Amino acid sequence: MKRFREKRTEKLYRQWAKHSELPPEAIPQKEAPTDKGGQHFELRSNLLYILLGACIILLLAVLIVLILNLVG
């Protein structure tokens, strides 16, 4: 999500520079990343959501099998 937002912002800056006839130097430069901890946290939270989804699907499958065994 963050990468999409950054690309959208860069595109917006380029459009502003183009339509306002500003020099390319007027476009703000991206700050150099100093801390990679946020990226690691984001990756970990994405992994947790994937694992949570897999557990829910597995639980539903087990419940369906149990219900089918009770009915049949």
PDB file of N, CA and C in Angstrom:
ATOM      1  N   MET A   1       0.812  -1.176   0.000  1.00  0.00           N
ATOM      2  CA  MET A   1       0.000   0.000   0.000  1.00  0.00           C
ATOM      3  C   MET A   1       0.869   1.258   0.000  1.00  0.00           C
ATOM      4  N   LYS A   2       1.911   1.207   0.795  1.00  0.00           N
ATOM      5  CA  LYS A   2       2.763   2.373   0.922  1.00  0.00           C
ATOM      6  C   LYS A   2       3.462   2.683  -0.398  1.00  0.00           C
ATOM      7  N   ARG A   3       3.883   1.638  -1.099  1.00  0.00           N
ATOM      8  CA  ARG A   3       4.582   1.831  -2.373  1.00  0.00           C
ATOM      9  C   ARG A   3       3.654   2.485  -3.387  1.00  0.00           C
ATOM     10  N   PHE A   4       2.374   2.065  -3.424  1.00  0.00           N
ATOM     11  CA  PHE A   4       1.404   2.658  -4.334  1.00  0.00           C
ATOM     12  C   PHE A   4       1.213   4.137  -4.020  1.00  0.00           C
ATOM     13  N   ARG A   5       1.139   4.463  -2.747  1.00  0.00           N
ATOM     14  CA  ARG A   5       0.953   5.849  -2.330  1.00  0.00           C
ATOM     15  C   ARG A   5       2.147   6.704  -2.742  1.00  0.00           C
ATOM     16  N   GLU A   6       3.360   6.146  -2.605  1.00  0.00           N
ATOM     17  CA  GLU A   6       4.559   6.889  -2.990  1.00  0.00           C
ATOM     18  C   GLU A   6       4.594   7.139  -4.491  1.00  0.00           C
ATOM     19  N   LYS A   7       4.250   6.125  -5.290  1.00  0.00           N
ATOM     20  CA  LYS A   7       4.237   6.300  -6.737  1.00  0.00           C
ATOM     21  C   LYS A   7       3.199   7.332  -7.149  1.00  0.00           C
ATOM     22  N   ARG A   8       2.047   7.295  -6.505  1.00  0.00           N
ATOM     23  CA  ARG A   8       0.993   8.250  -6.828  1.00  0.00           C
ATOM     24  C   ARG A   8       1.448   9.671  -6.501  1.00  0.00           C
ATOM     25  N   THR A   9       2.131   9.832  -5.375  1.00  0.00           N
ATOM     26  CA  THR A   9       2.617  11.154  -4.988  1.00  0.00           C
ATOM     27  C   THR A   9       3.683  11.650  -5.963  1.00  0.00           C
ATOM     28  N   GLU A  10       4.588  10.765  -6.381  1.00  0.00           N
ATOM     29  CA  GLU A  10       5.607  11.162  -7.350  1.00  0.00           C
ATOM     30  C   GLU A  10       4.971  11.591  -8.665  1.00  0.00           C
ATOM     31  N   LYS A  11       3.964  10.836  -9.103  1.00  0.00           N
ATOM     32  CA  LYS A  11       3.285  11.198 -10.343  1.00  0.00           C
ATOM     33  C   LYS A  11       2.606  12.551 -10.207  1.00  0.00           C
ATOM     34  N   LEU A  12       2.005  12.805  -9.066  1.00  0.00           N
ATOM     35  CA  LEU A  12       1.342  14.075  -8.829  1.00  0.00           C
ATOM     36  C   LEU A  12       2.340  15.232  -8.863  1.00  0.00           C
ATOM     37  N   TYR A  13       3.506  15.045  -8.250  1.00  0.00           N
ATOM     38  CA  TYR A  13       4.538  16.085  -8.284  1.00  0.00           C
ATOM     39  C   TYR A  13       4.997  16.357  -9.714  1.00  0.00           C
ATOM     40  N   ARG A  14       5.173  15.283 -10.495  1.00  0.00           N
ATOM     41  CA  ARG A  14       5.590  15.475 -11.896  1.00  0.00           C
ATOM     42  C   ARG A  14       4.537  16.251 -12.671  1.00  0.00           C
ATOM     43  N   GLN A  15       3.256  15.955 -12.431  1.00  0.00           N
ATOM     44  CA  GLN A  15       2.182  16.674 -13.119  1.00  0.00           C
ATOM     45  C   GLN A  15       2.172  18.144 -12.709  1.00  0.00           C
ATOM     46  N   TRP A  16       2.372  18.413 -11.431  1.00  0.00           N
ATOM     47  CA  TRP A  16       2.415  19.807 -10.986  1.00  0.00           C
ATOM     48  C   TRP A  16       3.558  20.560 -11.656  1.00  0.00           C
ATOM     49  N   ALA A  17       4.716  19.913 -11.703  1.00  0.00           N
ATOM     50  CA  ALA A  17       5.871  20.562 -12.316  1.00  0.00           C
ATOM     51  C   ALA A  17       5.628  20.806 -13.802  1.00  0.00           C
ATOM     52  N   LYS A  18       4.987  19.869 -14.466  1.00  0.00           N
ATOM     53  CA  LYS A  18       4.741  19.992 -15.900  1.00  0.00           C
ATOM     54  C   LYS A  18       3.742  21.112 -16.194  1.00  0.00           C
ATOM     55  N   HIS A  19       2.641  21.121 -15.483  1.00  0.00           N
ATOM     56  CA  HIS A  19       1.576  22.074 -15.785  1.00  0.00           C
ATOM     57  C   HIS A  19       1.842  23.468 -15.231  1.00  0.00           C
ATOM     58  N   SER A  20       2.671  23.579 -14.248  1.00  0.00           N
ATOM     59  CA  SER A  20       2.983  24.907 -13.714  1.00  0.00           C
ATOM     60  C   SER A  20       4.278  25.448 -14.307  1.00  0.00           C
ATOM     61  N   GLU A  21       4.861  24.678 -15.244  1.00  0.00           N
ATOM     62  CA  GLU A  21       6.089  25.065 -15.933  1.00  0.00           C
ATOM     63  C   GLU A  21       7.243  25.310 -14.959  1.00  0.00           C
ATOM     64  N   LEU A  22       7.305  24.489 -13.934  1.00  0.00           N
ATOM     65  CA  LEU A  22       8.397  24.554 -12.973  1.00  0.00           C
ATOM     66  C   LEU A  22       9.555  23.703 -13.481  1.00  0.00           C
ATOM     67  N   PRO A  23      10.764  24.025 -13.081  1.00  0.00           N
ATOM     68  CA  PRO A  23      11.887  23.168 -13.466  1.00  0.00           C
ATOM     69  C   PRO A  23      11.796  21.828 -12.734  1.00  0.00           C
ATOM     70  N   PRO A  24      12.391  20.779 -13.276  1.00  0.00           N
ATOM     71  CA  PRO A  24      12.341  19.471 -12.609  1.00  0.00           C
ATOM     72  C   PRO A  24      12.951  19.482 -11.209  1.00  0.00           C
ATOM     73  N   GLU A  25      13.834  20.439 -10.935  1.00  0.00           N
ATOM     74  CA  GLU A  25      14.433  20.529  -9.602  1.00  0.00           C
ATOM     75  C   GLU A  25      13.414  20.941  -8.547  1.00  0.00           C
ATOM     76  N   ALA A  26      12.267  21.469  -8.983  1.00  0.00           N
ATOM     77  CA  ALA A  26      11.253  21.911  -8.024  1.00  0.00           C
ATOM     78  C   ALA A  26      10.511  20.729  -7.405  1.00  0.00           C
ATOM     79  N   ILE A  27      10.641  19.563  -8.005  1.00  0.00           N
ATOM     80  CA  ILE A  27       9.985  18.378  -7.459  1.00  0.00           C
ATOM     81  C   ILE A  27      10.736  17.950  -6.198  1.00  0.00           C
ATOM     82  N   PRO A  28      10.053  17.809  -5.079  1.00  0.00           N
ATOM     83  CA  PRO A  28      10.732  17.389  -3.843  1.00  0.00           C
ATOM     84  C   PRO A  28      11.352  16.005  -4.011  1.00  0.00           C
ATOM     85  N   GLN A  29      12.543  15.849  -3.508  1.00  0.00           N
ATOM     86  CA  GLN A  29      13.235  14.567  -3.570  1.00  0.00           C
ATOM     87  C   GLN A  29      12.784  13.697  -2.411  1.00  0.00           C
ATOM     88  N   LYS A  30      12.770  12.382  -2.662  1.00  0.00           N
ATOM     89  CA  LYS A  30      12.399  11.455  -1.593  1.00  0.00           C
ATOM     90  C   LYS A  30      13.495  11.442  -0.541  1.00  0.00           C
ATOM     91  N   GLU A  31      13.066  11.286   0.697  1.00  0.00           N
ATOM     92  CA  GLU A  31      14.043  11.194   1.784  1.00  0.00           C
ATOM     93  C   GLU A  31      14.663   9.807   1.767  1.00  0.00           C
ATOM     94  N   ALA A  32      15.918   9.738   2.097  1.00  0.00           N
ATOM     95  CA  ALA A  32      16.606   8.455   2.150  1.00  0.00           C
ATOM     96  C   ALA A  32      16.079   7.668   3.350  1.00  0.00           C
ATOM     97  N   PRO A  33      15.731   6.411   3.144  1.00  0.00           N
ATOM     98  CA  PRO A  33      15.230   5.626   4.282  1.00  0.00           C
ATOM     99  C   PRO A  33      16.347   5.388   5.296  1.00  0.00           C
ATOM    100  N   THR A  34      16.035   5.690   6.533  1.00  0.00           N
ATOM    101  CA  THR A  34      17.026   5.518   7.589  1.00  0.00           C
ATOM    102  C   THR A  34      16.728   4.307   8.455  1.00  0.00           C
ATOM    103  N   ASP A  35      15.452   3.935   8.514  1.00  0.00           N
ATOM    104  CA  ASP A  35      15.064   2.838   9.398  1.00  0.00           C
ATOM    105  C   ASP A  35      14.304   1.791   8.596  1.00  0.00           C
ATOM    106  N   LYS A  36      14.805   0.580   8.579  1.00  0.00           N
ATOM    107  CA  LYS A  36      14.147  -0.513   7.870  1.00  0.00           C
ATOM    108  C   LYS A  36      13.224  -1.295   8.797  1.00  0.00           C
ATOM    109  N   GLY A  37      13.119  -0.892  10.049  1.00  0.00           N
ATOM    110  CA  GLY A  37      12.289  -1.625  11.002  1.00  0.00           C
ATOM    111  C   GLY A  37      10.822  -1.605  10.634  1.00  0.00           C
ATOM    112  N   GLY A  38      10.337  -0.513  10.068  1.00  0.00           N
ATOM    113  CA  GLY A  38       8.943  -0.428   9.677  1.00  0.00           C
ATOM    114  C   GLY A  38       8.598  -1.412   8.591  1.00  0.00           C
ATOM    115  N   GLN A  39       9.512  -1.618   7.648  1.00  0.00           N
ATOM    116  CA  GLN A  39       9.271  -2.561   6.569  1.00  0.00           C
ATOM    117  C   GLN A  39       9.207  -3.987   7.122  1.00  0.00           C
ATOM    118  N   HIS A  40      10.073  -4.302   8.060  1.00  0.00           N
ATOM    119  CA  HIS A  40      10.067  -5.633   8.672  1.00  0.00           C
ATOM    120  C   HIS A  40       8.761  -5.855   9.422  1.00  0.00           C
ATOM    121  N   PHE A  41       8.291  -4.832  10.128  1.00  0.00           N
ATOM    122  CA  PHE A  41       7.034  -4.937  10.869  1.00  0.00           C
ATOM    123  C   PHE A  41       5.866  -5.148   9.909  1.00  0.00           C
ATOM    124  N   GLU A  42       5.884  -4.438   8.762  1.00  0.00           N
ATOM    125  CA  GLU A  42       4.809  -4.572   7.791  1.00  0.00           C
ATOM    126  C   GLU A  42       4.788  -5.987   7.213  1.00  0.00           C
ATOM    127  N   LEU A  43       5.956  -6.531   6.923  1.00  0.00           N
ATOM    128  CA  LEU A  43       6.045  -7.892   6.402  1.00  0.00           C
ATOM    129  C   LEU A  43       5.520  -8.888   7.433  1.00  0.00           C
ATOM    130  N   ARG A  44       5.873  -8.678   8.680  1.00  0.00           N
ATOM    131  CA  ARG A  44       5.416  -9.584   9.738  1.00  0.00           C
ATOM    132  C   ARG A  44       3.903  -9.506   9.891  1.00  0.00           C
ATOM    133  N   SER A  45       3.320  -8.306   9.836  1.00  0.00           N
ATOM    134  CA  SER A  45       1.876  -8.183   9.992  1.00  0.00           C
ATOM    135  C   SER A  45       1.155  -8.805   8.801  1.00  0.00           C
ATOM    136  N   ASN A  46       1.719  -8.679   7.583  1.00  0.00           N
ATOM    137  CA  ASN A  46       1.111  -9.328   6.426  1.00  0.00           C
ATOM    138  C   ASN A  46       1.134 -10.844   6.592  1.00  0.00           C
ATOM    139  N   LEU A  47       2.227 -11.370   7.088  1.00  0.00           N
ATOM    140  CA  LEU A  47       2.341 -12.812   7.307  1.00  0.00           C
ATOM    141  C   LEU A  47       1.322 -13.280   8.351  1.00  0.00           C
ATOM    142  N   LEU A  48       1.119 -12.490   9.378  1.00  0.00           N
ATOM    143  CA  LEU A  48       0.134 -12.852  10.400  1.00  0.00           C
ATOM    144  C   LEU A  48      -1.272 -12.899   9.816  1.00  0.00           C
ATOM    145  N   TYR A  49      -1.608 -11.955   8.949  1.00  0.00           N
ATOM    146  CA  TYR A  49      -2.934 -11.961   8.334  1.00  0.00           C
ATOM    147  C   TYR A  49      -3.112 -13.180   7.432  1.00  0.00           C
ATOM    148  N   ILE A  50      -2.065 -13.563   6.709  1.00  0.00           N
ATOM    149  CA  ILE A  50      -2.142 -14.743   5.847  1.00  0.00           C
ATOM    150  C   ILE A  50      -2.337 -15.994   6.699  1.00  0.00           C
ATOM    151  N   LEU A  51      -1.582 -16.109   7.783  1.00  0.00           N
ATOM    152  CA  LEU A  51      -1.722 -17.271   8.669  1.00  0.00           C
ATOM    153  C   LEU A  51      -3.097 -17.310   9.329  1.00  0.00           C
ATOM    154  N   LEU A  52      -3.603 -16.170   9.719  1.00  0.00           N
ATOM    155  CA  LEU A  52      -4.932 -16.107  10.322  1.00  0.00           C
ATOM    156  C   LEU A  52      -5.988 -16.559   9.323  1.00  0.00           C
ATOM    157  N   GLY A  53      -5.884 -16.108   8.087  1.00  0.00           N
ATOM    158  CA  GLY A  53      -6.832 -16.522   7.052  1.00  0.00           C
ATOM    159  C   GLY A  53      -6.756 -18.010   6.794  1.00  0.00           C
ATOM    160  N   ALA A  54      -5.541 -18.566   6.748  1.00  0.00           N
ATOM    161  CA  ALA A  54      -5.376 -20.001   6.525  1.00  0.00           C
ATOM    162  C   ALA A  54      -5.983 -20.794   7.678  1.00  0.00           C
ATOM    163  N   CYS A  55      -5.807 -20.352   8.895  1.00  0.00           N
ATOM    164  CA  CYS A  55      -6.380 -21.051  10.062  1.00  0.00           C
ATOM    165  C   CYS A  55      -7.903 -21.016  10.022  1.00  0.00           C
ATOM    166  N   ILE A  56      -8.472 -19.898   9.635  1.00  0.00           N
ATOM    167  CA  ILE A  56      -9.933 -19.797   9.561  1.00  0.00           C
ATOM    168  C   ILE A  56     -10.473 -20.743   8.488  1.00  0.00           C
ATOM    169  N   ILE A  57      -9.804 -20.782   7.331  1.00  0.00           N
ATOM    170  CA  ILE A  57     -10.245 -21.676   6.259  1.00  0.00           C
ATOM    171  C   ILE A  57     -10.139 -23.132   6.710  1.00  0.00           C
ATOM    172  N   LEU A  58      -9.054 -23.471   7.373  1.00  0.00           N
ATOM    173  CA  LEU A  58      -8.880 -24.842   7.869  1.00  0.00           C
ATOM    174  C   LEU A  58      -9.959 -25.196   8.896  1.00  0.00           C
ATOM    175  N   LEU A  59     -10.249 -24.281   9.786  1.00  0.00           N
ATOM    176  CA  LEU A  59     -11.288 -24.509  10.796  1.00  0.00           C
ATOM    177  C   LEU A  59     -12.647 -24.711  10.138  1.00  0.00           C
ATOM    178  N   LEU A  60     -12.965 -23.912   9.139  1.00  0.00           N
ATOM    179  CA  LEU A  60     -14.235 -24.079   8.437  1.00  0.00           C
ATOM    180  C   LEU A  60     -14.304 -25.418   7.716  1.00  0.00           C
ATOM    181  N   ALA A  61     -13.196 -25.843   7.117  1.00  0.00           N
ATOM    182  CA  ALA A  61     -13.174 -27.133   6.431  1.00  0.00           C
ATOM    183  C   ALA A  61     -13.412 -28.266   7.426  1.00  0.00           C
ATOM    184  N   VAL A  62     -12.785 -28.202   8.579  1.00  0.00           N
ATOM    185  CA  VAL A  62     -12.975 -29.234   9.596  1.00  0.00           C
ATOM    186  C   VAL A  62     -14.421 -29.248  10.076  1.00  0.00           C
ATOM    187  N   LEU A  63     -15.006 -28.087  10.283  1.00  0.00           N
ATOM    188  CA  LEU A  63     -16.402 -28.018  10.719  1.00  0.00           C
ATOM    189  C   LEU A  63     -17.336 -28.602   9.665  1.00  0.00           C
ATOM    190  N   ILE A  64     -17.083 -28.334   8.407  1.00  0.00           N
ATOM    191  CA  ILE A  64     -17.927 -28.866   7.338  1.00  0.00           C
ATOM    192  C   ILE A  64     -17.825 -30.383   7.285  1.00  0.00           C
ATOM    193  N   VAL A  65     -16.617 -30.909   7.428  1.00  0.00           N
ATOM    194  CA  VAL A  65     -16.443 -32.373   7.432  1.00  0.00           C
ATOM    195  C   VAL A  65     -17.165 -32.992   8.617  1.00  0.00           C
ATOM    196  N   LEU A  66     -17.060 -32.395   9.790  1.00  0.00           N
ATOM    197  CA  LEU A  66     -17.771 -32.912  10.964  1.00  0.00           C
ATOM    198  C   LEU A  66     -19.274 -32.887  10.784  1.00  0.00           C
ATOM    199  N   ILE A  67     -19.785 -31.815  10.247  1.00  0.00           N
ATOM    200  CA  ILE A  67     -21.231 -31.695  10.037  1.00  0.00           C
ATOM    201  C   ILE A  67     -21.698 -32.734   9.023  1.00  0.00           C
ATOM    202  N   LEU A  68     -20.927 -32.934   7.962  1.00  0.00           N
ATOM    203  CA  LEU A  68     -21.295 -33.923   6.949  1.00  0.00           C
ATOM    204  C   LEU A  68     -21.264 -35.340   7.526  1.00  0.00           C
ATOM    205  N   ASN A  69     -20.337 -35.616   8.432  1.00  0.00           N
ATOM    206  CA  ASN A  69     -20.278 -36.933   9.070  1.00  0.00           C
ATOM    207  C   ASN A  69     -21.453 -37.162  10.005  1.00  0.00           C
ATOM    208  N   LEU A  70     -21.914 -36.120  10.683  1.00  0.00           N
ATOM    209  CA  LEU A  70     -23.060 -36.259  11.583  1.00  0.00           C
ATOM    210  C   LEU A  70     -24.347 -36.455  10.795  1.00  0.00           C
ATOM    211  N   VAL A  71     -24.469 -35.774   9.686  1.00  0.00           N
ATOM    212  CA  VAL A  71     -25.696 -35.862   8.881  1.00  0.00           C
ATOM    213  C   VAL A  71     -25.728 -37.175   8.114  1.00  0.00           C
ATOM    214  N   GLY A  72     -24.594 -37.592   7.555  1.00  0.00           N
ATOM    215  CA  GLY A  72     -24.555 -38.781   6.693  1.00  0.00           C
ATOM    216  C   GLY A  72     -24.334 -39.976   7.474  1.00  0.00           C
TER     217      GLY A  72
END
